[in-house]
PDB file of all heavy atoms in Angstrom:
ATOM      1  N   MET A   1     -24.004  -7.067  11.237  1.00  0.00           N
ATOM      2  CA  MET A   1     -22.538  -7.234  11.324  1.00  0.00           C
ATOM      3  C   MET A   1     -22.084  -7.135  12.768  1.00  0.00           C
ATOM      4  O   MET A   1     -21.208  -7.900  13.248  1.00  0.00           O
ATOM      5  CB  MET A   1     -21.843  -6.157  10.493  1.00  0.00           C
ATOM      6  CG  MET A   1     -20.335  -6.292  10.486  1.00  0.00           C
ATOM      7  SD  MET A   1     -19.583  -5.033   9.450  1.00  0.00           S
ATOM      8  CE  MET A   1     -20.158  -5.583   7.814  1.00  0.00           C
ATOM      9  N   LEU A   2     -22.617  -6.154  13.579  1.00  0.00           N
ATOM     10  CA  LEU A   2     -22.265  -6.027  14.960  1.00  0.00           C
ATOM     11  C   LEU A   2     -22.597  -7.283  15.733  1.00  0.00           C
ATOM     12  O   LEU A   2     -21.806  -7.722  16.600  1.00  0.00           O
ATOM     13  CB  LEU A   2     -22.993  -4.821  15.554  1.00  0.00           C
ATOM     14  CG  LEU A   2     -22.666  -4.496  17.021  1.00  0.00           C
ATOM     15  CD1 LEU A   2     -21.187  -4.222  17.188  1.00  0.00           C
ATOM     16  CD2 LEU A   2     -23.491  -3.289  17.481  1.00  0.00           C
ATOM     17  N   LYS A   3     -23.743  -7.902  15.416  1.00  0.00           N
ATOM     18  CA  LYS A   3     -24.128  -9.127  16.089  1.00  0.00           C
ATOM     19  C   LYS A   3     -23.101 -10.214  15.841  1.00  0.00           C
ATOM     20  O   LYS A   3     -22.766 -11.009  16.730  1.00  0.00           O
ATOM     21  CB  LYS A   3     -25.515  -9.564  15.598  1.00  0.00           C
ATOM     22  CG  LYS A   3     -26.065 -10.742  16.380  1.00  0.00           C
ATOM     23  CD  LYS A   3     -27.425 -11.167  15.841  1.00  0.00           C
ATOM     24  CE  LYS A   3     -28.433 -10.079  16.093  1.00  0.00           C
ATOM     25  NZ  LYS A   3     -29.795 -10.457  15.647  1.00  0.00           N
ATOM     26  N   GLN A   4     -22.598 -10.292  14.583  1.00  0.00           N
ATOM     27  CA  GLN A   4     -21.585 -11.290  14.238  1.00  0.00           C
ATOM     28  C   GLN A   4     -20.311 -11.072  15.064  1.00  0.00           C
ATOM     29  O   GLN A   4     -19.713 -12.006  15.580  1.00  0.00           O
ATOM     30  CB  GLN A   4     -21.226 -11.190  12.758  1.00  0.00           C
ATOM     31  CG  GLN A   4     -22.309 -11.670  11.819  1.00  0.00           C
ATOM     32  CD  GLN A   4     -21.901 -11.457  10.377  1.00  0.00           C
ATOM     33  OE1 GLN A   4     -21.469 -10.393  10.037  1.00  0.00           O
ATOM     34  NE2 GLN A   4     -22.067 -12.468   9.575  1.00  0.00           N
ATOM     35  N   ILE A   5     -19.926  -9.819  15.182  1.00  0.00           N
ATOM     36  CA  ILE A   5     -18.662  -9.515  15.834  1.00  0.00           C
ATOM     37  C   ILE A   5     -18.731  -9.829  17.339  1.00  0.00           C
ATOM     38  O   ILE A   5     -17.781 -10.298  17.914  1.00  0.00           O
ATOM     39  CB  ILE A   5     -18.323  -8.014  15.647  1.00  0.00           C
ATOM     40  CG1 ILE A   5     -18.038  -7.752  14.171  1.00  0.00           C
ATOM     41  CG2 ILE A   5     -17.098  -7.590  16.465  1.00  0.00           C
ATOM     42  CD1 ILE A   5     -17.818  -6.287  13.809  1.00  0.00           C
ATOM     43  N   LEU A   6     -19.907  -9.585  17.929  1.00  0.00           N
ATOM     44  CA  LEU A   6     -20.039  -9.783  19.362  1.00  0.00           C
ATOM     45  C   LEU A   6     -20.580 -11.135  19.733  1.00  0.00           C
ATOM     46  O   LEU A   6     -20.799 -11.405  20.906  1.00  0.00           O
ATOM     47  CB  LEU A   6     -20.939  -8.683  19.931  1.00  0.00           C
ATOM     48  CG  LEU A   6     -20.409  -7.244  19.781  1.00  0.00           C
ATOM     49  CD1 LEU A   6     -21.421  -6.262  20.367  1.00  0.00           C
ATOM     50  CD2 LEU A   6     -19.026  -7.095  20.480  1.00  0.00           C
ATOM     51  N   SER A   7     -20.828 -12.004  18.749  1.00  0.00           N
ATOM     52  CA  SER A   7     -21.411 -13.312  19.037  1.00  0.00           C
ATOM     53  C   SER A   7     -20.493 -14.145  19.894  1.00  0.00           C
ATOM     54  O   SER A   7     -19.252 -14.033  19.792  1.00  0.00           O
ATOM     55  CB  SER A   7     -21.760 -14.057  17.738  1.00  0.00           C
ATOM     56  OG  SER A   7     -20.624 -14.238  16.988  1.00  0.00           O
ATOM     57  N   GLY A   8     -21.032 -15.024  20.677  1.00  0.00           N
ATOM     58  CA  GLY A   8     -20.223 -15.788  21.630  1.00  0.00           C
ATOM     59  C   GLY A   8     -19.138 -16.611  21.015  1.00  0.00           C
ATOM     60  O   GLY A   8     -18.122 -16.827  21.628  1.00  0.00           O
ATOM     61  N   ASP A   9     -19.354 -17.131  19.806  1.00  0.00           N
ATOM     62  CA  ASP A   9     -18.385 -18.063  19.257  1.00  0.00           C
ATOM     63  C   ASP A   9     -17.095 -17.379  18.872  1.00  0.00           C
ATOM     64  O   ASP A   9     -16.085 -18.031  18.617  1.00  0.00           O
ATOM     65  CB  ASP A   9     -18.941 -18.811  18.031  1.00  0.00           C
ATOM     66  CG  ASP A   9     -19.224 -17.856  16.876  1.00  0.00           C
ATOM     67  OD1 ASP A   9     -19.508 -16.704  17.148  1.00  0.00           O
ATOM     68  OD2 ASP A   9     -19.128 -18.349  15.724  1.00  0.00           O
ATOM     69  N   LEU A  10     -17.066 -16.026  18.885  1.00  0.00           N
ATOM     70  CA  LEU A  10     -15.828 -15.338  18.591  1.00  0.00           C
ATOM     71  C   LEU A  10     -14.893 -15.324  19.787  1.00  0.00           C
ATOM     72  O   LEU A  10     -13.673 -15.160  19.671  1.00  0.00           O
ATOM     73  CB  LEU A  10     -16.079 -13.909  18.162  1.00  0.00           C
ATOM     74  CG  LEU A  10     -16.804 -13.747  16.793  1.00  0.00           C
ATOM     75  CD1 LEU A  10     -17.009 -12.233  16.504  1.00  0.00           C
ATOM     76  CD2 LEU A  10     -16.004 -14.372  15.703  1.00  0.00           C
ATOM     77  N   GLY A  11     -15.436 -15.440  20.992  1.00  0.00           N
ATOM     78  CA  GLY A  11     -14.640 -15.547  22.174  1.00  0.00           C
ATOM     79  C   GLY A  11     -13.820 -14.287  22.449  1.00  0.00           C
ATOM     80  O   GLY A  11     -12.685 -14.330  22.904  1.00  0.00           O
ATOM     81  N   LEU A  12     -14.394 -13.117  22.234  1.00  0.00           N
ATOM     82  CA  LEU A  12     -13.676 -11.875  22.485  1.00  0.00           C
ATOM     83  C   LEU A  12     -13.441 -11.668  23.988  1.00  0.00           C
ATOM     84  O   LEU A  12     -14.351 -11.894  24.794  1.00  0.00           O
ATOM     85  CB  LEU A  12     -14.486 -10.699  21.925  1.00  0.00           C
ATOM     86  CG  LEU A  12     -14.518 -10.554  20.396  1.00  0.00           C
ATOM     87  CD1 LEU A  12     -15.414  -9.371  20.072  1.00  0.00           C
ATOM     88  CD2 LEU A  12     -13.167 -10.356  19.855  1.00  0.00           C
ATOM     89  N   LYS A  13     -12.250 -11.229  24.313  1.00  0.00           N
ATOM     90  CA  LYS A  13     -11.923 -10.979  25.711  1.00  0.00           C
ATOM     91  C   LYS A  13     -11.947  -9.465  25.949  1.00  0.00           C
ATOM     92  O   LYS A  13     -11.710  -8.670  25.076  1.00  0.00           O
ATOM     93  CB  LYS A  13     -10.521 -11.536  26.042  1.00  0.00           C
ATOM     94  CG  LYS A  13     -10.463 -13.046  25.903  1.00  0.00           C
ATOM     95  CD  LYS A  13      -9.057 -13.555  26.270  1.00  0.00           C
ATOM     96  CE  LYS A  13      -8.961 -15.038  26.167  1.00  0.00           C
ATOM     97  NZ  LYS A  13      -7.635 -15.550  26.486  1.00  0.00           N
ATOM     98  N   SER A  14     -12.227  -9.123  27.178  1.00  0.00           N
ATOM     99  CA  SER A  14     -12.344  -7.701  27.525  1.00  0.00           C
ATOM    100  C   SER A  14     -11.058  -6.951  27.254  1.00  0.00           C
ATOM    101  O   SER A  14     -11.065  -5.791  26.862  1.00  0.00           O
ATOM    102  CB  SER A  14     -12.762  -7.540  28.988  1.00  0.00           C
ATOM    103  OG  SER A  14     -11.791  -8.138  29.851  1.00  0.00           O
ATOM    104  N   GLU A  15      -9.908  -7.629  27.469  1.00  0.00           N
ATOM    105  CA  GLU A  15      -8.634  -6.973  27.218  1.00  0.00           C
ATOM    106  C   GLU A  15      -8.481  -6.559  25.758  1.00  0.00           C
ATOM    107  O   GLU A  15      -7.971  -5.480  25.437  1.00  0.00           O
ATOM    108  CB  GLU A  15      -7.443  -7.886  27.632  1.00  0.00           C
ATOM    109  CG  GLU A  15      -7.389  -8.148  29.117  1.00  0.00           C
ATOM    110  CD  GLU A  15      -8.187  -9.370  29.511  1.00  0.00           C
ATOM    111  OE1 GLU A  15      -9.040  -9.819  28.703  1.00  0.00           O
ATOM    112  OE2 GLU A  15      -7.984  -9.878  30.643  1.00  0.00           O
ATOM    113  N   ILE A  16      -8.943  -7.449  24.870  1.00  0.00           N
ATOM    114  CA  ILE A  16      -8.842  -7.141  23.466  1.00  0.00           C
ATOM    115  C   ILE A  16      -9.735  -5.944  23.087  1.00  0.00           C
ATOM    116  O   ILE A  16      -9.325  -5.066  22.353  1.00  0.00           O
ATOM    117  CB  ILE A  16      -9.221  -8.366  22.624  1.00  0.00           C
ATOM    118  CG1 ILE A  16      -8.229  -9.515  22.875  1.00  0.00           C
ATOM    119  CG2 ILE A  16      -9.316  -8.061  21.131  1.00  0.00           C
ATOM    120  CD1 ILE A  16      -8.621 -10.798  22.175  1.00  0.00           C
ATOM    121  N   ILE A  17     -10.949  -5.963  23.664  1.00  0.00           N
ATOM    122  CA  ILE A  17     -11.896  -4.897  23.385  1.00  0.00           C
ATOM    123  C   ILE A  17     -11.332  -3.560  23.800  1.00  0.00           C
ATOM    124  O   ILE A  17     -11.334  -2.549  23.089  1.00  0.00           O
ATOM    125  CB  ILE A  17     -13.251  -5.152  24.050  1.00  0.00           C
ATOM    126  CG1 ILE A  17     -13.907  -6.412  23.444  1.00  0.00           C
ATOM    127  CG2 ILE A  17     -14.174  -3.966  23.857  1.00  0.00           C
ATOM    128  CD1 ILE A  17     -15.180  -6.835  24.130  1.00  0.00           C
ATOM    129  N   ILE A  18     -10.748  -3.515  25.021  1.00  0.00           N
ATOM    130  CA  ILE A  18     -10.186  -2.292  25.549  1.00  0.00           C
ATOM    131  C   ILE A  18      -9.023  -1.815  24.652  1.00  0.00           C
ATOM    132  O   ILE A  18      -8.908  -0.627  24.299  1.00  0.00           O
ATOM    133  CB  ILE A  18      -9.699  -2.484  27.025  1.00  0.00           C
ATOM    134  CG1 ILE A  18     -10.913  -2.734  27.920  1.00  0.00           C
ATOM    135  CG2 ILE A  18      -8.904  -1.260  27.478  1.00  0.00           C
ATOM    136  CD1 ILE A  18     -10.555  -3.129  29.333  1.00  0.00           C
ATOM    137  N   GLY A  19      -8.151  -2.733  24.304  1.00  0.00           N
ATOM    138  CA  GLY A  19      -7.035  -2.401  23.473  1.00  0.00           C
ATOM    139  C   GLY A  19      -7.435  -1.804  22.139  1.00  0.00           C
ATOM    140  O   GLY A  19      -6.877  -0.822  21.663  1.00  0.00           O
ATOM    141  N   VAL A  20      -8.465  -2.425  21.521  1.00  0.00           N
ATOM    142  CA  VAL A  20      -8.944  -1.936  20.230  1.00  0.00           C
ATOM    143  C   VAL A  20      -9.585  -0.560  20.366  1.00  0.00           C
ATOM    144  O   VAL A  20      -9.400   0.296  19.515  1.00  0.00           O
ATOM    145  CB  VAL A  20      -9.905  -2.957  19.609  1.00  0.00           C
ATOM    146  CG1 VAL A  20     -10.503  -2.374  18.345  1.00  0.00           C
ATOM    147  CG2 VAL A  20      -9.169  -4.249  19.309  1.00  0.00           C
ATOM    148  N   ILE A  21     -10.342  -0.362  21.454  1.00  0.00           N
ATOM    149  CA  ILE A  21     -10.961   0.928  21.676  1.00  0.00           C
ATOM    150  C   ILE A  21      -9.892   2.032  21.811  1.00  0.00           C
ATOM    151  O   ILE A  21     -10.022   3.151  21.256  1.00  0.00           O
ATOM    152  CB  ILE A  21     -11.860   0.932  22.955  1.00  0.00           C
ATOM    153  CG1 ILE A  21     -13.095   0.037  22.704  1.00  0.00           C
ATOM    154  CG2 ILE A  21     -12.291   2.324  23.352  1.00  0.00           C
ATOM    155  CD1 ILE A  21     -13.932  -0.154  23.906  1.00  0.00           C
ATOM    156  N   VAL A  22      -8.791   1.738  22.527  1.00  0.00           N
ATOM    157  CA  VAL A  22      -7.725   2.716  22.662  1.00  0.00           C
ATOM    158  C   VAL A  22      -7.151   3.049  21.319  1.00  0.00           C
ATOM    159  O   VAL A  22      -6.929   4.224  20.975  1.00  0.00           O
ATOM    160  CB  VAL A  22      -6.630   2.152  23.574  1.00  0.00           C
ATOM    161  CG1 VAL A  22      -5.405   3.075  23.571  1.00  0.00           C
ATOM    162  CG2 VAL A  22      -7.149   2.047  25.031  1.00  0.00           C
ATOM    163  N   LEU A  23      -6.908   2.016  20.494  1.00  0.00           N
ATOM    164  CA  LEU A  23      -6.386   2.265  19.142  1.00  0.00           C
ATOM    165  C   LEU A  23      -7.339   3.085  18.316  1.00  0.00           C
ATOM    166  O   LEU A  23      -6.942   3.983  17.559  1.00  0.00           O
ATOM    167  CB  LEU A  23      -6.123   0.921  18.460  1.00  0.00           C
ATOM    168  CG  LEU A  23      -4.955   0.091  18.993  1.00  0.00           C
ATOM    169  CD1 LEU A  23      -4.910  -1.270  18.274  1.00  0.00           C
ATOM    170  CD2 LEU A  23      -3.643   0.833  18.749  1.00  0.00           C
ATOM    171  N   ALA A  24      -8.660   2.817  18.480  1.00  0.00           N
ATOM    172  CA  ALA A  24      -9.655   3.562  17.726  1.00  0.00           C
ATOM    173  C   ALA A  24      -9.672   5.027  18.119  1.00  0.00           C
ATOM    174  O   ALA A  24      -9.734   5.917  17.273  1.00  0.00           O
ATOM    175  CB  ALA A  24     -11.040   2.962  17.961  1.00  0.00           C
ATOM    176  N   VAL A  25      -9.540   5.318  19.441  1.00  0.00           N
ATOM    177  CA  VAL A  25      -9.540   6.714  19.909  1.00  0.00           C
ATOM    178  C   VAL A  25      -8.298   7.432  19.359  1.00  0.00           C
ATOM    179  O   VAL A  25      -8.406   8.567  18.878  1.00  0.00           O
ATOM    180  CB  VAL A  25      -9.557   6.766  21.436  1.00  0.00           C
ATOM    181  CG1 VAL A  25      -9.310   8.180  21.944  1.00  0.00           C
ATOM    182  CG2 VAL A  25     -10.888   6.241  21.948  1.00  0.00           C
ATOM    183  N   VAL A  26      -7.162   6.749  19.440  1.00  0.00           N
ATOM    184  CA  VAL A  26      -5.912   7.364  18.913  1.00  0.00           C
ATOM    185  C   VAL A  26      -6.048   7.640  17.430  1.00  0.00           C
ATOM    186  O   VAL A  26      -5.667   8.708  16.942  1.00  0.00           O
ATOM    187  CB  VAL A  26      -4.711   6.439  19.166  1.00  0.00           C
ATOM    188  CG1 VAL A  26      -3.494   6.961  18.432  1.00  0.00           C
ATOM    189  CG2 VAL A  26      -4.428   6.305  20.663  1.00  0.00           C
ATOM    190  N   TYR A  27      -6.650   6.688  16.695  1.00  0.00           N
ATOM    191  CA  TYR A  27      -6.819   6.885  15.259  1.00  0.00           C
ATOM    192  C   TYR A  27      -7.722   8.080  14.950  1.00  0.00           C
ATOM    193  O   TYR A  27      -7.410   8.922  14.103  1.00  0.00           O
ATOM    194  CB  TYR A  27      -7.422   5.619  14.636  1.00  0.00           C
ATOM    195  CG  TYR A  27      -7.809   5.830  13.192  1.00  0.00           C
ATOM    196  CD1 TYR A  27      -6.878   5.735  12.168  1.00  0.00           C
ATOM    197  CD2 TYR A  27      -9.124   6.155  12.839  1.00  0.00           C
ATOM    198  CE1 TYR A  27      -7.229   5.879  10.831  1.00  0.00           C
ATOM    199  CE2 TYR A  27      -9.474   6.344  11.507  1.00  0.00           C
ATOM    200  CZ  TYR A  27      -8.528   6.233  10.502  1.00  0.00           C
ATOM    201  OH  TYR A  27      -8.878   6.430   9.232  1.00  0.00           O
ATOM    202  N   LEU A  28      -8.849   8.187  15.671  1.00  0.00           N
ATOM    203  CA  LEU A  28      -9.783   9.276  15.434  1.00  0.00           C
ATOM    204  C   LEU A  28      -9.157  10.622  15.736  1.00  0.00           C
ATOM    205  O   LEU A  28      -9.387  11.603  14.991  1.00  0.00           O
ATOM    206  CB  LEU A  28     -11.053   9.051  16.252  1.00  0.00           C
ATOM    207  CG  LEU A  28     -11.953   7.863  15.836  1.00  0.00           C
ATOM    208  CD1 LEU A  28     -13.074   7.703  16.854  1.00  0.00           C
ATOM    209  CD2 LEU A  28     -12.491   8.105  14.411  1.00  0.00           C
ATOM    210  N   ILE A  29      -8.352  10.689  16.775  1.00  0.00           N
ATOM    211  CA  ILE A  29      -7.729  11.939  17.163  1.00  0.00           C
ATOM    212  C   ILE A  29      -6.703  12.349  16.100  1.00  0.00           C
ATOM    213  O   ILE A  29      -6.699  13.505  15.614  1.00  0.00           O
ATOM    214  CB  ILE A  29      -7.016  11.836  18.539  1.00  0.00           C
ATOM    215  CG1 ILE A  29      -8.093  11.673  19.631  1.00  0.00           C
ATOM    216  CG2 ILE A  29      -6.167  13.082  18.826  1.00  0.00           C
ATOM    217  CD1 ILE A  29      -7.539  11.392  21.002  1.00  0.00           C
ATOM    218  N   THR A  30      -5.833  11.423  15.687  1.00  0.00           N
ATOM    219  CA  THR A  30      -4.820  11.741  14.693  1.00  0.00           C
ATOM    220  C   THR A  30      -5.422  12.065  13.342  1.00  0.00           C
ATOM    221  O   THR A  30      -4.946  12.945  12.619  1.00  0.00           O
ATOM    222  CB  THR A  30      -3.826  10.573  14.512  1.00  0.00           C
ATOM    223  OG1 THR A  30      -4.565   9.385  14.160  1.00  0.00           O
ATOM    224  CG2 THR A  30      -3.063  10.337  15.787  1.00  0.00           C
ATOM    225  N   THR A  31      -6.547  11.394  13.032  1.00  0.00           N
ATOM    226  CA  THR A  31      -7.214  11.663  11.767  1.00  0.00           C
ATOM    227  C   THR A  31      -7.822  13.068  11.784  1.00  0.00           C
ATOM    228  O   THR A  31      -7.753  13.806  10.782  1.00  0.00           O
ATOM    229  CB  THR A  31      -8.304  10.618  11.490  1.00  0.00           C
ATOM    230  OG1 THR A  31      -7.675   9.334  11.394  1.00  0.00           O
ATOM    231  CG2 THR A  31      -9.009  10.905  10.165  1.00  0.00           C
ATOM    232  N   ALA A  32      -8.451  13.418  12.891  1.00  0.00           N
ATOM    233  CA  ALA A  32      -9.049  14.732  12.973  1.00  0.00           C
ATOM    234  C   ALA A  32      -8.007  15.836  12.859  1.00  0.00           C
ATOM    235  O   ALA A  32      -8.210  16.856  12.205  1.00  0.00           O
ATOM    236  CB  ALA A  32      -9.796  14.873  14.327  1.00  0.00           C
ATOM    237  N   ILE A  33      -6.839  15.616  13.490  1.00  0.00           N
ATOM    238  CA  ILE A  33      -5.744  16.620  13.406  1.00  0.00           C
ATOM    239  C   ILE A  33      -5.275  16.746  11.966  1.00  0.00           C
ATOM    240  O   ILE A  33      -5.062  17.852  11.455  1.00  0.00           O
ATOM    241  CB  ILE A  33      -4.611  16.201  14.313  1.00  0.00           C
ATOM    242  CG1 ILE A  33      -5.034  16.269  15.795  1.00  0.00           C
ATOM    243  CG2 ILE A  33      -3.365  17.074  14.077  1.00  0.00           C
ATOM    244  CD1 ILE A  33      -4.017  15.759  16.783  1.00  0.00           C
ATOM    245  N   ARG A  34      -5.129  15.608  11.311  1.00  0.00           N
ATOM    246  CA  ARG A  34      -4.590  15.579   9.942  1.00  0.00           C
ATOM    247  C   ARG A  34      -5.552  16.328   8.977  1.00  0.00           C
ATOM    248  O   ARG A  34      -5.096  16.966   8.025  1.00  0.00           O
ATOM    249  CB  ARG A  34      -4.421  14.116   9.537  1.00  0.00           C
ATOM    250  CG  ARG A  34      -3.784  13.936   8.181  1.00  0.00           C
ATOM    251  CD  ARG A  34      -3.663  12.475   7.933  1.00  0.00           C
ATOM    252  NE  ARG A  34      -3.148  12.236   6.629  1.00  0.00           N
ATOM    253  CZ  ARG A  34      -3.119  11.029   6.066  1.00  0.00           C
ATOM    254  NH1 ARG A  34      -3.521   9.973   6.727  1.00  0.00           N
ATOM    255  NH2 ARG A  34      -2.634  10.866   4.850  1.00  0.00           N
ATOM    256  N   ARG A  35      -6.861  16.170   9.193  1.00  0.00           N
ATOM    257  CA  ARG A  35      -7.800  16.738   8.259  1.00  0.00           C
ATOM    258  C   ARG A  35      -8.184  18.187   8.594  1.00  0.00           C
ATOM    259  O   ARG A  35      -8.990  18.767   7.856  1.00  0.00           O
ATOM    260  CB  ARG A  35      -9.069  15.866   8.226  1.00  0.00           C
ATOM    261  CG  ARG A  35      -8.809  14.494   7.614  1.00  0.00           C
ATOM    262  CD  ARG A  35     -10.027  13.615   7.779  1.00  0.00           C
ATOM    263  NE  ARG A  35      -9.747  12.261   7.249  1.00  0.00           N
ATOM    264  CZ  ARG A  35     -10.391  11.163   7.683  1.00  0.00           C
ATOM    265  NH1 ARG A  35     -11.304  11.231   8.599  1.00  0.00           N
ATOM    266  NH2 ARG A  35     -10.061   9.997   7.181  1.00  0.00           N
ATOM    267  N   HIS A  36      -7.637  18.664   9.649  1.00  0.00           N
ATOM    268  CA  HIS A  36      -8.025  20.044  10.084  1.00  0.00           C
ATOM    269  C   HIS A  36      -7.715  21.025   8.963  1.00  0.00           C
ATOM    270  O   HIS A  36      -6.621  21.071   8.421  1.00  0.00           O
ATOM    271  CB  HIS A  36      -7.293  20.417  11.364  1.00  0.00           C
ATOM    272  CG  HIS A  36      -7.622  21.796  11.830  1.00  0.00           C
ATOM    273  ND1 HIS A  36      -8.893  22.084  12.375  1.00  0.00           N
ATOM    274  CD2 HIS A  36      -6.948  22.946  11.851  1.00  0.00           C
ATOM    275  CE1 HIS A  36      -8.942  23.354  12.715  1.00  0.00           C
ATOM    276  NE2 HIS A  36      -7.729  23.882  12.430  1.00  0.00           N
ATOM    277  N   GLY A  37      -8.662  21.805   8.613  1.00  0.00           N
ATOM    278  CA  GLY A  37      -8.456  22.820   7.600  1.00  0.00           C
ATOM    279  C   GLY A  37      -8.671  22.301   6.202  1.00  0.00           C
ATOM    280  O   GLY A  37      -8.536  23.092   5.244  1.00  0.00           O
ATOM    281  N   LYS A  38      -8.950  21.039   6.020  1.00  0.00           N
ATOM    282  CA  LYS A  38      -9.168  20.451   4.689  1.00  0.00           C
ATOM    283  C   LYS A  38     -10.674  20.178   4.465  1.00  0.00           C
ATOM    284  O   LYS A  38     -11.394  19.897   5.394  1.00  0.00           O
ATOM    285  CB  LYS A  38      -8.398  19.143   4.520  1.00  0.00           C
ATOM    286  CG  LYS A  38      -6.899  19.208   4.800  1.00  0.00           C
ATOM    287  CD  LYS A  38      -6.146  19.873   3.685  1.00  0.00           C
ATOM    288  CE  LYS A  38      -4.640  19.777   3.880  1.00  0.00           C
ATOM    289  NZ  LYS A  38      -3.898  20.378   2.743  1.00  0.00           N
ATOM    290  N   LYS A  39     -11.048  20.319   3.181  1.00  0.00           N
ATOM    291  CA  LYS A  39     -12.440  20.014   2.857  1.00  0.00           C
ATOM    292  C   LYS A  39     -12.556  18.548   2.568  1.00  0.00           C
ATOM    293  O   LYS A  39     -12.335  18.068   1.465  1.00  0.00           O
ATOM    294  CB  LYS A  39     -12.906  20.860   1.696  1.00  0.00           C
ATOM    295  CG  LYS A  39     -14.390  20.674   1.359  1.00  0.00           C
ATOM    296  CD  LYS A  39     -14.833  21.522   0.159  1.00  0.00           C
ATOM    297  CE  LYS A  39     -16.337  21.291  -0.117  1.00  0.00           C
ATOM    298  NZ  LYS A  39     -16.739  22.067  -1.327  1.00  0.00           N
TER     299      LYS A  39
END
């Protein structure tokens, strides 16, 4: 799956990758806060 996502024909730009990474970090932080103290 990773190979598909990063394959050349998708034409991913570095700006998009950076933007998505930022969103991913924000999501992981908010999710961790939300689940704190829960099983």
